[in-house]
Amino acid sequence: MQQGNIPYRKSHAVALVRAESPQPELIAHSRVREAVEKMTLAVILRDFTDVLSTLDEDLRRTRVIRHAIQTGDAKPVRCFPRRILYYQQVDEMLRRDAVELSSSHWASPIILVKKDES
């Protein structure tokens, strides 16, 4: 598949979000240093502006596609939760419909990382 001048594999699973131009901020936060790579990244970001966001509040679940994680015959894995206070942030993500409750036998602790303000 070809988008502009950039080859990519078609696999989009992101909900439609606010489509202002996140390019400068995303490029500034990237680890890309070479001018050619920055131009390539700018083309990709421009071509996919409709599915990119710079704000957590814009992220939502989508019903456009459904997916299943194939675990085969593996037994469920359950890790003990970490001792951090994450309830308020999880409640906010539930309110925004960015995550959903699950009663799966598969469980792992979540890792919530605050974005770098620089």
PDB file of N, CA and C in Angstrom:
ATOM      1  N   MET A   1       0.855  -1.166   0.000  1.00  0.00           N
ATOM      2  CA  MET A   1       0.000   0.000   0.000  1.00  0.00           C
ATOM      3  C   MET A   1       0.897   1.224   0.000  1.00  0.00           C
ATOM      4  N   GLN A   2       0.497   2.288  -0.675  1.00  0.00           N
ATOM      5  CA  GLN A   2       1.296   3.506  -0.783  1.00  0.00           C
ATOM      6  C   GLN A   2       0.424   4.689  -0.383  1.00  0.00           C
ATOM      7  N   GLN A   3       0.909   5.549   0.493  1.00  0.00           N
ATOM      8  CA  GLN A   3       0.201   6.759   0.898  1.00  0.00           C
ATOM      9  C   GLN A   3       1.153   7.907   0.619  1.00  0.00           C
ATOM     10  N   GLY A   4       0.833   8.783  -0.326  1.00  0.00           N
ATOM     11  CA  GLY A   4       1.779   9.820  -0.719  1.00  0.00           C
ATOM     12  C   GLY A   4       3.016   9.138  -1.275  1.00  0.00           C
ATOM     13  N   ASN A   5       4.170   9.477  -0.762  1.00  0.00           N
ATOM     14  CA  ASN A   5       5.416   8.846  -1.185  1.00  0.00           C
ATOM     15  C   ASN A   5       5.885   7.807  -0.186  1.00  0.00           C
ATOM     16  N   ILE A   6       5.079   7.537   0.831  1.00  0.00           N
ATOM     17  CA  ILE A   6       5.506   6.688   1.931  1.00  0.00           C
ATOM     18  C   ILE A   6       4.783   5.347   1.875  1.00  0.00           C
ATOM     19  N   PRO A   7       5.527   4.222   1.781  1.00  0.00           N
ATOM     20  CA  PRO A   7       4.868   2.915   1.837  1.00  0.00           C
ATOM     21  C   PRO A   7       4.460   2.606   3.275  1.00  0.00           C
ATOM     22  N   TYR A   8       3.325   2.002   3.465  1.00  0.00           N
ATOM     23  CA  TYR A   8       2.878   1.614   4.796  1.00  0.00           C
ATOM     24  C   TYR A   8       1.941   0.425   4.679  1.00  0.00           C
ATOM     25  N   ARG A   9       1.786  -0.265   5.790  1.00  0.00           N
ATOM     26  CA  ARG A   9       0.813  -1.351   5.842  1.00  0.00           C
ATOM     27  C   ARG A   9      -0.487  -0.782   6.361  1.00  0.00           C
ATOM     28  N   LYS A  10      -1.584  -1.158   5.755  1.00  0.00           N
ATOM     29  CA  LYS A  10      -2.876  -0.626   6.167  1.00  0.00           C
ATOM     30  C   LYS A  10      -3.371  -1.387   7.385  1.00  0.00           C
ATOM     31  N   SER A  11      -3.340  -0.736   8.527  1.00  0.00           N
ATOM     32  CA  SER A  11      -3.891  -1.315   9.744  1.00  0.00           C
ATOM     33  C   SER A  11      -4.162  -0.175  10.698  1.00  0.00           C
ATOM     34  N   HIS A  12      -5.353   0.371  10.600  1.00  0.00           N
ATOM     35  CA  HIS A  12      -5.737   1.512  11.415  1.00  0.00           C
ATOM     36  C   HIS A  12      -6.813   1.080  12.399  1.00  0.00           C
ATOM     37  N   ALA A  13      -6.592   1.354  13.675  1.00  0.00           N
ATOM     38  CA  ALA A  13      -7.574   0.973  14.685  1.00  0.00           C
ATOM     39  C   ALA A  13      -7.750   2.100  15.685  1.00  0.00           C
ATOM     40  N   VAL A  14      -7.849   3.302  15.187  1.00  0.00           N
ATOM     41  CA  VAL A  14      -7.951   4.467  16.056  1.00  0.00           C
ATOM     42  C   VAL A  14      -9.256   5.170  15.751  1.00  0.00           C
ATOM     43  N   ALA A  15      -9.918   5.661  16.780  1.00  0.00           N
ATOM     44  CA  ALA A  15     -11.180   6.360  16.590  1.00  0.00           C
ATOM     45  C   ALA A  15     -10.934   7.751  16.018  1.00  0.00           C
ATOM     46  N   LEU A  16     -11.925   8.286  15.334  1.00  0.00           N
ATOM     47  CA  LEU A  16     -11.838   9.622  14.787  1.00  0.00           C
ATOM     48  C   LEU A  16     -11.740  10.630  15.923  1.00  0.00           C
ATOM     49  N   VAL A  17     -10.787  11.530  15.829  1.00  0.00           N
ATOM     50  CA  VAL A  17     -10.573  12.531  16.870  1.00  0.00           C
ATOM     51  C   VAL A  17     -10.433  13.903  16.232  1.00  0.00           C
ATOM     52  N   ARG A  18     -10.263  14.923  17.073  1.00  0.00           N
ATOM     53  CA  ARG A  18     -10.077  16.295  16.617  1.00  0.00           C
ATOM     54  C   ARG A  18      -8.935  16.337  15.611  1.00  0.00           C
ATOM     55  N   ALA A  19      -9.130  17.027  14.499  1.00  0.00           N
ATOM     56  CA  ALA A  19      -8.154  16.952  13.416  1.00  0.00           C
ATOM     57  C   ALA A  19      -7.441  18.272  13.167  1.00  0.00           C
ATOM     58  N   GLU A  20      -7.074  18.974  14.222  1.00  0.00           N
ATOM     59  CA  GLU A  20      -6.194  20.109  14.029  1.00  0.00           C
ATOM     60  C   GLU A  20      -4.817  19.546  13.731  1.00  0.00           C
ATOM     61  N   SER A  21      -3.887  20.375  13.348  1.00  0.00           N
ATOM     62  CA  SER A  21      -2.581  19.874  12.932  1.00  0.00           C
ATOM     63  C   SER A  21      -1.676  19.589  14.125  1.00  0.00           C
ATOM     64  N   PRO A  22      -1.492  18.316  14.474  1.00  0.00           N
ATOM     65  CA  PRO A  22      -0.590  17.968  15.573  1.00  0.00           C
ATOM     66  C   PRO A  22       0.855  17.831  15.114  1.00  0.00           C
ATOM     67  N   GLN A  23       1.116  18.091  13.825  1.00  0.00           N
ATOM     68  CA  GLN A  23       2.442  17.839  13.275  1.00  0.00           C
ATOM     69  C   GLN A  23       3.587  18.479  14.043  1.00  0.00           C
ATOM     70  N   PRO A  24       3.592  19.807  14.264  1.00  0.00           N
ATOM     71  CA  PRO A  24       4.761  20.408  14.918  1.00  0.00           C
ATOM     72  C   PRO A  24       5.048  19.806  16.286  1.00  0.00           C
ATOM     73  N   GLU A  25       4.012  19.589  17.077  1.00  0.00           N
ATOM     74  CA  GLU A  25       4.208  19.038  18.417  1.00  0.00           C
ATOM     75  C   GLU A  25       4.708  17.596  18.356  1.00  0.00           C
ATOM     76  N   LEU A  26       4.125  16.785  17.477  1.00  0.00           N
ATOM     77  CA  LEU A  26       4.548  15.393  17.371  1.00  0.00           C
ATOM     78  C   LEU A  26       5.966  15.275  16.829  1.00  0.00           C
ATOM     79  N   ILE A  27       6.308  16.089  15.857  1.00  0.00           N
ATOM     80  CA  ILE A  27       7.670  16.056  15.317  1.00  0.00           C
ATOM     81  C   ILE A  27       8.661  16.520  16.374  1.00  0.00           C
ATOM     82  N   ALA A  28       8.297  17.546  17.144  1.00  0.00           N
ATOM     83  CA  ALA A  28       9.189  18.051  18.196  1.00  0.00           C
ATOM     84  C   ALA A  28       9.446  16.990  19.258  1.00  0.00           C
ATOM     85  N   HIS A  29       8.457  16.134  19.546  1.00  0.00           N
ATOM     86  CA  HIS A  29       8.609  15.101  20.568  1.00  0.00           C
ATOM     87  C   HIS A  29       9.230  13.818  20.026  1.00  0.00           C
ATOM     88  N   SER A  30       9.413  13.741  18.717  1.00  0.00           N
ATOM     89  CA  SER A  30       9.980  12.521  18.144  1.00  0.00           C
ATOM     90  C   SER A  30      11.487  12.494  18.350  1.00  0.00           C
ATOM     91  N   ARG A  31      12.047  11.331  18.165  1.00  0.00           N
ATOM     92  CA  ARG A  31      13.501  11.180  18.281  1.00  0.00           C
ATOM     93  C   ARG A  31      14.178  11.306  16.923  1.00  0.00           C
ATOM     94  N   VAL A  32      13.409  11.695  15.934  1.00  0.00           N
ATOM     95  CA  VAL A  32      13.934  11.845  14.581  1.00  0.00           C
ATOM     96  C   VAL A  32      14.795  13.101  14.523  1.00  0.00           C
ATOM     97  N   ARG A  33      16.009  12.965  14.011  1.00  0.00           N
ATOM     98  CA  ARG A  33      16.935  14.093  13.951  1.00  0.00           C
ATOM     99  C   ARG A  33      17.314  14.466  12.521  1.00  0.00           C
ATOM    100  N   GLU A  34      17.352  13.486  11.619  1.00  0.00           N
ATOM    101  CA  GLU A  34      17.758  13.749  10.238  1.00  0.00           C
ATOM    102  C   GLU A  34      16.644  14.492   9.495  1.00  0.00           C
ATOM    103  N   ALA A  35      17.024  15.451   8.651  1.00  0.00           N
ATOM    104  CA  ALA A  35      16.051  16.267   7.918  1.00  0.00           C
ATOM    105  C   ALA A  35      15.156  15.417   7.022  1.00  0.00           C
ATOM    106  N   VAL A  36      15.732  14.431   6.343  1.00  0.00           N
ATOM    107  CA  VAL A  36      14.943  13.571   5.451  1.00  0.00           C
ATOM    108  C   VAL A  36      13.921  12.777   6.256  1.00  0.00           C
ATOM    109  N   GLU A  37      14.327  12.268   7.414  1.00  0.00           N
ATOM    110  CA  GLU A  37      13.399  11.514   8.262  1.00  0.00           C
ATOM    111  C   GLU A  37      12.297  12.424   8.786  1.00  0.00           C
ATOM    112  N   LYS A  38      12.629  13.674   9.134  1.00  0.00           N
ATOM    113  CA  LYS A  38      11.603  14.614   9.604  1.00  0.00           C
ATOM    114  C   LYS A  38      10.597  14.911   8.497  1.00  0.00           C
ATOM    115  N   MET A  39      11.081  15.045   7.268  1.00  0.00           N
ATOM    116  CA  MET A  39      10.173  15.283   6.148  1.00  0.00           C
ATOM    117  C   MET A  39       9.274  14.071   5.927  1.00  0.00           C
ATOM    118  N   THR A  40       9.838  12.878   6.024  1.00  0.00           N
ATOM    119  CA  THR A  40       9.055  11.652   5.878  1.00  0.00           C
ATOM    120  C   THR A  40       7.996  11.568   6.971  1.00  0.00           C
ATOM    121  N   LEU A  41       8.394  11.866   8.208  1.00  0.00           N
ATOM    122  CA  LEU A  41       7.448  11.862   9.325  1.00  0.00           C
ATOM    123  C   LEU A  41       6.357  12.903   9.116  1.00  0.00           C
ATOM    124  N   ALA A  42       6.716  14.083   8.626  1.00  0.00           N
ATOM    125  CA  ALA A  42       5.726  15.135   8.377  1.00  0.00           C
ATOM    126  C   ALA A  42       4.700  14.692   7.338  1.00  0.00           C
ATOM    127  N   VAL A  43       5.147  13.981   6.302  1.00  0.00           N
ATOM    128  CA  VAL A  43       4.227  13.477   5.275  1.00  0.00           C
ATOM    129  C   VAL A  43       3.261  12.467   5.887  1.00  0.00           C
ATOM    130  N   ILE A  44       3.785  11.552   6.684  1.00  0.00           N
ATOM    131  CA  ILE A  44       2.934  10.544   7.325  1.00  0.00           C
ATOM    132  C   ILE A  44       1.929  11.213   8.260  1.00  0.00           C
ATOM    133  N   LEU A  45       2.390  12.164   9.072  1.00  0.00           N
ATOM    134  CA  LEU A  45       1.491  12.855   9.999  1.00  0.00           C
ATOM    135  C   LEU A  45       0.423  13.638   9.245  1.00  0.00           C
ATOM    136  N   ARG A  46       0.799  14.266   8.141  1.00  0.00           N
ATOM    137  CA  ARG A  46      -0.178  15.015   7.350  1.00  0.00           C
ATOM    138  C   ARG A  46      -1.213  14.069   6.749  1.00  0.00           C
ATOM    139  N   ASP A  47      -0.750  12.934   6.231  1.00  0.00           N
ATOM    140  CA  ASP A  47      -1.662  11.991   5.587  1.00  0.00           C
ATOM    141  C   ASP A  47      -2.627  11.339   6.577  1.00  0.00           C
ATOM    142  N   PHE A  48      -2.246  11.276   7.843  1.00  0.00           N
ATOM    143  CA  PHE A  48      -3.084  10.612   8.841  1.00  0.00           C
ATOM    144  C   PHE A  48      -3.595  11.574   9.911  1.00  0.00           C
ATOM    145  N   THR A  49      -3.700  12.863   9.573  1.00  0.00           N
ATOM    146  CA  THR A  49      -4.166  13.867  10.528  1.00  0.00           C
ATOM    147  C   THR A  49      -5.528  13.510  11.111  1.00  0.00           C
ATOM    148  N   ASP A  50      -6.373  12.860  10.325  1.00  0.00           N
ATOM    149  CA  ASP A  50      -7.728  12.556  10.792  1.00  0.00           C
ATOM    150  C   ASP A  50      -7.764  11.518  11.906  1.00  0.00           C
ATOM    151  N   VAL A  51      -6.669  10.805  12.160  1.00  0.00           N
ATOM    152  CA  VAL A  51      -6.664   9.803  13.227  1.00  0.00           C
ATOM    153  C   VAL A  51      -5.624  10.096  14.303  1.00  0.00           C
ATOM    154  N   LEU A  52      -5.048  11.285  14.295  1.00  0.00           N
ATOM    155  CA  LEU A  52      -4.034  11.649  15.284  1.00  0.00           C
ATOM    156  C   LEU A  52      -4.579  12.675  16.261  1.00  0.00           C
ATOM    157  N   SER A  53      -4.034  12.664  17.451  1.00  0.00           N
ATOM    158  CA  SER A  53      -4.436  13.615  18.474  1.00  0.00           C
ATOM    159  C   SER A  53      -3.241  13.921  19.355  1.00  0.00           C
ATOM    160  N   THR A  54      -3.238  15.102  19.936  1.00  0.00           N
ATOM    161  CA  THR A  54      -2.196  15.445  20.902  1.00  0.00           C
ATOM    162  C   THR A  54      -2.765  15.528  22.313  1.00  0.00           C
ATOM    163  N   LEU A  55      -4.068  15.325  22.463  1.00  0.00           N
ATOM    164  CA  LEU A  55      -4.714  15.402  23.773  1.00  0.00           C
ATOM    165  C   LEU A  55      -5.294  14.045  24.165  1.00  0.00           C
ATOM    166  N   ASP A  56      -5.051  13.631  25.404  1.00  0.00           N
ATOM    167  CA  ASP A  56      -5.624  12.374  25.887  1.00  0.00           C
ATOM    168  C   ASP A  56      -7.145  12.403  25.848  1.00  0.00           C
ATOM    169  N   GLU A  57      -7.733  13.583  26.065  1.00  0.00           N
ATOM    170  CA  GLU A  57      -9.189  13.698  26.116  1.00  0.00           C
ATOM    171  C   GLU A  57      -9.846  13.352  24.782  1.00  0.00           C
ATOM    172  N   ASP A  58      -9.084  13.409  23.697  1.00  0.00           N
ATOM    173  CA  ASP A  58      -9.640  13.116  22.378  1.00  0.00           C
ATOM    174  C   ASP A  58      -9.742  11.625  22.091  1.00  0.00           C
ATOM    175  N   LEU A  59      -9.035  10.814  22.842  1.00  0.00           N
ATOM    176  CA  LEU A  59      -8.994   9.382  22.555  1.00  0.00           C
ATOM    177  C   LEU A  59     -10.272   8.711  23.020  1.00  0.00           C
ATOM    178  N   ARG A  60     -10.827   7.895  22.181  1.00  0.00           N
ATOM    179  CA  ARG A  60     -12.064   7.175  22.472  1.00  0.00           C
ATOM    180  C   ARG A  60     -11.936   5.753  21.942  1.00  0.00           C
ATOM    181  N   ARG A  61     -12.876   4.928  22.348  1.00  0.00           N
ATOM    182  CA  ARG A  61     -12.981   3.603  21.740  1.00  0.00           C
ATOM    183  C   ARG A  61     -13.615   3.767  20.372  1.00  0.00           C
ATOM    184  N   THR A  62     -13.425   2.781  19.543  1.00  0.00           N
ATOM    185  CA  THR A  62     -14.056   2.804  18.230  1.00  0.00           C
ATOM    186  C   THR A  62     -14.847   1.521  18.032  1.00  0.00           C
ATOM    187  N   ARG A  63     -15.892   1.640  17.289  1.00  0.00           N
ATOM    188  CA  ARG A  63     -16.668   0.470  16.918  1.00  0.00           C
ATOM    189  C   ARG A  63     -16.513   0.207  15.416  1.00  0.00           C
ATOM    190  N   VAL A  64     -15.566   0.911  14.790  1.00  0.00           N
ATOM    191  CA  VAL A  64     -15.338   0.759  13.357  1.00  0.00           C
ATOM    192  C   VAL A  64     -14.803  -0.628  13.049  1.00  0.00           C
ATOM    193  N   ILE A  65     -13.892  -1.111  13.874  1.00  0.00           N
ATOM    194  CA  ILE A  65     -13.358  -2.456  13.698  1.00  0.00           C
ATOM    195  C   ILE A  65     -13.386  -3.169  15.037  1.00  0.00           C
ATOM    196  N   ARG A  66     -13.327  -4.471  14.989  1.00  0.00           N
ATOM    197  CA  ARG A  66     -13.230  -5.277  16.198  1.00  0.00           C
ATOM    198  C   ARG A  66     -12.005  -6.154  16.046  1.00  0.00           C
ATOM    199  N   HIS A  67     -11.378  -6.464  17.148  1.00  0.00           N
ATOM    200  CA  HIS A  67     -10.226  -7.355  17.082  1.00  0.00           C
ATOM    201  C   HIS A  67     -10.284  -8.331  18.246  1.00  0.00           C
ATOM    202  N   ALA A  68      -9.563  -9.404  18.103  1.00  0.00           N
ATOM    203  CA  ALA A  68      -9.450 -10.399  19.165  1.00  0.00           C
ATOM    204  C   ALA A  68      -7.980 -10.773  19.282  1.00  0.00           C
ATOM    205  N   ILE A  69      -7.524 -10.947  20.483  1.00  0.00           N
ATOM    206  CA  ILE A  69      -6.147 -11.362  20.710  1.00  0.00           C
ATOM    207  C   ILE A  69      -6.149 -12.876  20.828  1.00  0.00           C
ATOM    208  N   GLN A  70      -5.518 -13.532  19.878  1.00  0.00           N
ATOM    209  CA  GLN A  70      -5.480 -14.990  19.853  1.00  0.00           C
ATOM    210  C   GLN A  70      -4.433 -15.480  20.851  1.00  0.00           C
ATOM    211  N   THR A  71      -4.865 -16.226  21.834  1.00  0.00           N
ATOM    212  CA  THR A  71      -3.946 -16.736  22.856  1.00  0.00           C
ATOM    213  C   THR A  71      -3.710 -18.232  22.715  1.00  0.00           C
ATOM    214  N   GLY A  72      -4.392 -18.832  21.762  1.00  0.00           N
ATOM    215  CA  GLY A  72      -4.195 -20.263  21.544  1.00  0.00           C
ATOM    216  C   GLY A  72      -4.579 -21.063  22.774  1.00  0.00           C
ATOM    217  N   ASP A  73      -3.755 -22.041  23.137  1.00  0.00           N
ATOM    218  CA  ASP A  73      -4.021 -22.890  24.294  1.00  0.00           C
ATOM    219  C   ASP A  73      -3.340 -22.381  25.562  1.00  0.00           C
ATOM    220  N   ALA A  74      -2.786 -21.183  25.507  1.00  0.00           N
ATOM    221  CA  ALA A  74      -2.068 -20.644  26.667  1.00  0.00           C
ATOM    222  C   ALA A  74      -3.024 -20.444  27.839  1.00  0.00           C
ATOM    223  N   LYS A  75      -2.519 -20.683  29.030  1.00  0.00           N
ATOM    224  CA  LYS A  75      -3.310 -20.453  30.232  1.00  0.00           C
ATOM    225  C   LYS A  75      -3.296 -18.960  30.554  1.00  0.00           C
ATOM    226  N   PRO A  76      -4.371 -18.449  31.167  1.00  0.00           N
ATOM    227  CA  PRO A  76      -4.404 -17.025  31.513  1.00  0.00           C
ATOM    228  C   PRO A  76      -3.243 -16.630  32.431  1.00  0.00           C
ATOM    229  N   VAL A  77      -2.757 -15.439  32.207  1.00  0.00           N
ATOM    230  CA  VAL A  77      -1.673 -14.887  33.018  1.00  0.00           C
ATOM    231  C   VAL A  77      -2.260 -13.779  33.867  1.00  0.00           C
ATOM    232  N   ARG A  78      -1.929 -13.779  35.132  1.00  0.00           N
ATOM    233  CA  ARG A  78      -2.410 -12.724  36.021  1.00  0.00           C
ATOM    234  C   ARG A  78      -1.238 -12.229  36.846  1.00  0.00           C
ATOM    235  N   CYS A  79      -0.949 -10.944  36.727  1.00  0.00           N
ATOM    236  CA  CYS A  79       0.134 -10.320  37.490  1.00  0.00           C
ATOM    237  C   CYS A  79      -0.473  -9.508  38.624  1.00  0.00           C
ATOM    238  N   PHE A  80       0.256  -9.384  39.704  1.00  0.00           N
ATOM    239  CA  PHE A  80      -0.221  -8.583  40.819  1.00  0.00           C
ATOM    240  C   PHE A  80      -0.130  -7.101  40.475  1.00  0.00           C
ATOM    241  N   PRO A  81      -1.130  -6.310  40.884  1.00  0.00           N
ATOM    242  CA  PRO A  81      -1.085  -4.875  40.579  1.00  0.00           C
ATOM    243  C   PRO A  81       0.041  -4.175  41.334  1.00  0.00           C
ATOM    244  N   ARG A  82       0.538  -3.107  40.736  1.00  0.00           N
ATOM    245  CA  ARG A  82       1.572  -2.307  41.384  1.00  0.00           C
ATOM    246  C   ARG A  82       0.936  -1.400  42.425  1.00  0.00           C
ATOM    247  N   ARG A  83       1.709  -1.001  43.397  1.00  0.00           N
ATOM    248  CA  ARG A  83       1.191  -0.164  44.484  1.00  0.00           C
ATOM    249  C   ARG A  83       1.253   1.313  44.105  1.00  0.00           C
ATOM    250  N   ILE A  84       0.398   1.703  43.188  1.00  0.00           N
ATOM    251  CA  ILE A  84       0.307   3.108  42.812  1.00  0.00           C
ATOM    252  C   ILE A  84      -1.159   3.510  42.827  1.00  0.00           C
ATOM    253  N   LEU A  85      -1.416   4.784  43.013  1.00  0.00           N
ATOM    254  CA  LEU A  85      -2.785   5.283  42.994  1.00  0.00           C
ATOM    255  C   LEU A  85      -3.144   5.660  41.560  1.00  0.00           C
ATOM    256  N   TYR A  86      -3.879   4.805  40.922  1.00  0.00           N
ATOM    257  CA  TYR A  86      -4.241   5.050  39.531  1.00  0.00           C
ATOM    258  C   TYR A  86      -5.752   5.172  39.360  1.00  0.00           C
ATOM    259  N   TYR A  87      -6.499   5.015  40.423  1.00  0.00           N
ATOM    260  CA  TYR A  87      -7.954   4.951  40.318  1.00  0.00           C
ATOM    261  C   TYR A  87      -8.564   6.204  39.691  1.00  0.00           C
ATOM    262  N   GLN A  88      -8.068   7.372  40.077  1.00  0.00           N
ATOM    263  CA  GLN A  88      -8.633   8.612  39.552  1.00  0.00           C
ATOM    264  C   GLN A  88      -8.425   8.708  38.038  1.00  0.00           C
ATOM    265  N   GLN A  89      -7.239   8.359  37.579  1.00  0.00           N
ATOM    266  CA  GLN A  89      -6.969   8.422  36.143  1.00  0.00           C
ATOM    267  C   GLN A  89      -7.777   7.366  35.386  1.00  0.00           C
ATOM    268  N   VAL A  90      -7.909   6.188  35.947  1.00  0.00           N
ATOM    269  CA  VAL A  90      -8.713   5.149  35.296  1.00  0.00           C
ATOM    270  C   VAL A  90     -10.176   5.576  35.243  1.00  0.00           C
ATOM    271  N   ASP A  91     -10.683   6.173  36.326  1.00  0.00           N
ATOM    272  CA  ASP A  91     -12.061   6.674  36.321  1.00  0.00           C
ATOM    273  C   ASP A  91     -12.265   7.713  35.219  1.00  0.00           C
ATOM    274  N   GLU A  92     -11.284   8.590  35.040  1.00  0.00           N
ATOM    275  CA  GLU A  92     -11.370   9.606  33.991  1.00  0.00           C
ATOM    276  C   GLU A  92     -11.365   8.952  32.606  1.00  0.00           C
ATOM    277  N   MET A  93     -10.537   7.940  32.416  1.00  0.00           N
ATOM    278  CA  MET A  93     -10.494   7.237  31.130  1.00  0.00           C
ATOM    279  C   MET A  93     -11.804   6.488  30.881  1.00  0.00           C
ATOM    280  N   LEU A  94     -12.413   5.941  31.927  1.00  0.00           N
ATOM    281  CA  LEU A  94     -13.723   5.298  31.789  1.00  0.00           C
ATOM    282  C   LEU A  94     -14.780   6.330  31.406  1.00  0.00           C
ATOM    283  N   ARG A  95     -14.727   7.501  32.038  1.00  0.00           N
ATOM    284  CA  ARG A  95     -15.689   8.568  31.748  1.00  0.00           C
ATOM    285  C   ARG A  95     -15.597   9.007  30.287  1.00  0.00           C
ATOM    286  N   ARG A  96     -14.371   9.086  29.759  1.00  0.00           N
ATOM    287  CA  ARG A  96     -14.157   9.495  28.366  1.00  0.00           C
ATOM    288  C   ARG A  96     -14.445   8.361  27.394  1.00  0.00           C
ATOM    289  N   ASP A  97     -14.730   7.177  27.918  1.00  0.00           N
ATOM    290  CA  ASP A  97     -14.983   5.993  27.092  1.00  0.00           C
ATOM    291  C   ASP A  97     -13.734   5.573  26.325  1.00  0.00           C
ATOM    292  N   ALA A  98     -12.550   5.839  26.915  1.00  0.00           N
ATOM    293  CA  ALA A  98     -11.282   5.449  26.298  1.00  0.00           C
ATOM    294  C   ALA A  98     -10.930   4.011  26.648  1.00  0.00           C
ATOM    295  N   VAL A  99     -11.466   3.507  27.758  1.00  0.00           N
ATOM    296  CA  VAL A  99     -11.249   2.127  28.184  1.00  0.00           C
ATOM    297  C   VAL A  99     -12.585   1.561  28.625  1.00  0.00           C
ATOM    298  N   GLU A 100     -12.633   0.268  28.808  1.00  0.00           N
ATOM    299  CA  GLU A 100     -13.863  -0.353  29.292  1.00  0.00           C
ATOM    300  C   GLU A 100     -13.521  -1.386  30.355  1.00  0.00           C
ATOM    301  N   LEU A 101     -14.475  -1.658  31.213  1.00  0.00           N
ATOM    302  CA  LEU A 101     -14.295  -2.674  32.239  1.00  0.00           C
ATOM    303  C   LEU A 101     -14.242  -4.049  31.580  1.00  0.00           C
ATOM    304  N   SER A 102     -13.505  -4.942  32.191  1.00  0.00           N
ATOM    305  CA  SER A 102     -13.372  -6.284  31.639  1.00  0.00           C
ATOM    306  C   SER A 102     -13.439  -7.301  32.767  1.00  0.00           C
ATOM    307  N   SER A 103     -13.981  -8.452  32.466  1.00  0.00           N
ATOM    308  CA  SER A 103     -14.007  -9.538  33.446  1.00  0.00           C
ATOM    309  C   SER A 103     -13.199 -10.720  32.923  1.00  0.00           C
ATOM    310  N   SER A 104     -12.211 -10.430  32.093  1.00  0.00           N
ATOM    311  CA  SER A 104     -11.374 -11.455  31.480  1.00  0.00           C
ATOM    312  C   SER A 104     -10.522 -12.157  32.529  1.00  0.00           C
ATOM    313  N   HIS A 105     -10.157 -13.390  32.255  1.00  0.00           N
ATOM    314  CA  HIS A 105      -9.243 -14.114  33.128  1.00  0.00           C
ATOM    315  C   HIS A 105      -7.811 -13.649  32.918  1.00  0.00           C
ATOM    316  N   TRP A 106      -7.580 -12.920  31.831  1.00  0.00           N
ATOM    317  CA  TRP A 106      -6.259 -12.373  31.539  1.00  0.00           C
ATOM    318  C   TRP A 106      -6.166 -11.005  32.206  1.00  0.00           C
ATOM    319  N   ALA A 107      -5.117 -10.757  32.956  1.00  0.00           N
ATOM    320  CA  ALA A 107      -4.968  -9.461  33.616  1.00  0.00           C
ATOM    321  C   ALA A 107      -3.499  -9.151  33.846  1.00  0.00           C
ATOM    322  N   SER A 108      -3.145  -7.910  33.657  1.00  0.00           N
ATOM    323  CA  SER A 108      -1.799  -7.423  33.936  1.00  0.00           C
ATOM    324  C   SER A 108      -1.934  -6.046  34.555  1.00  0.00           C
ATOM    325  N   PRO A 109      -0.966  -5.651  35.361  1.00  0.00           N
ATOM    326  CA  PRO A 109      -1.045  -4.323  35.953  1.00  0.00           C
ATOM    327  C   PRO A 109      -0.910  -3.250  34.875  1.00  0.00           C
ATOM    328  N   ILE A 110      -1.600  -2.147  35.096  1.00  0.00           N
ATOM    329  CA  ILE A 110      -1.489  -1.056  34.139  1.00  0.00           C
ATOM    330  C   ILE A 110      -0.296  -0.189  34.495  1.00  0.00           C
ATOM    331  N   ILE A 111       0.218   0.478  33.513  1.00  0.00           N
ATOM    332  CA  ILE A 111       1.304   1.426  33.732  1.00  0.00           C
ATOM    333  C   ILE A 111       0.846   2.751  33.154  1.00  0.00           C
ATOM    334  N   LEU A 112       0.583   3.731  34.008  1.00  0.00           N
ATOM    335  CA  LEU A 112       0.182   5.058  33.567  1.00  0.00           C
ATOM    336  C   LEU A 112       1.391   5.966  33.700  1.00  0.00           C
ATOM    337  N   VAL A 113       1.797   6.563  32.607  1.00  0.00           N
ATOM    338  CA  VAL A 113       2.985   7.409  32.599  1.00  0.00           C
ATOM    339  C   VAL A 113       2.571   8.818  32.234  1.00  0.00           C
ATOM    340  N   LYS A 114       2.955   9.783  33.053  1.00  0.00           N
ATOM    341  CA  LYS A 114       2.640  11.176  32.776  1.00  0.00           C
ATOM    342  C   LYS A 114       3.478  11.643  31.595  1.00  0.00           C
ATOM    343  N   LYS A 115       2.837  12.396  30.691  1.00  0.00           N
ATOM    344  CA  LYS A 115       3.546  12.909  29.527  1.00  0.00           C
ATOM    345  C   LYS A 115       4.581  13.935  29.957  1.00  0.00           C
ATOM    346  N   ASP A 116       5.691  13.953  29.249  1.00  0.00           N
ATOM    347  CA  ASP A 116       6.735  14.941  29.474  1.00  0.00           C
ATOM    348  C   ASP A 116       6.197  16.307  29.067  1.00  0.00           C
ATOM    349  N   GLU A 117       6.306  17.296  29.934  1.00  0.00           N
ATOM    350  CA  GLU A 117       5.766  18.625  29.670  1.00  0.00           C
ATOM    351  C   GLU A 117       6.665  19.462  28.776  1.00  0.00           C
ATOM    352  N   SER A 118       7.885  19.000  28.498  1.00  0.00           N
ATOM    353  CA  SER A 118       8.802  19.812  27.683  1.00  0.00           C
ATOM    354  C   SER A 118       8.510  19.718  26.211  1.00  0.00           C
TER     355      SER A 118
END
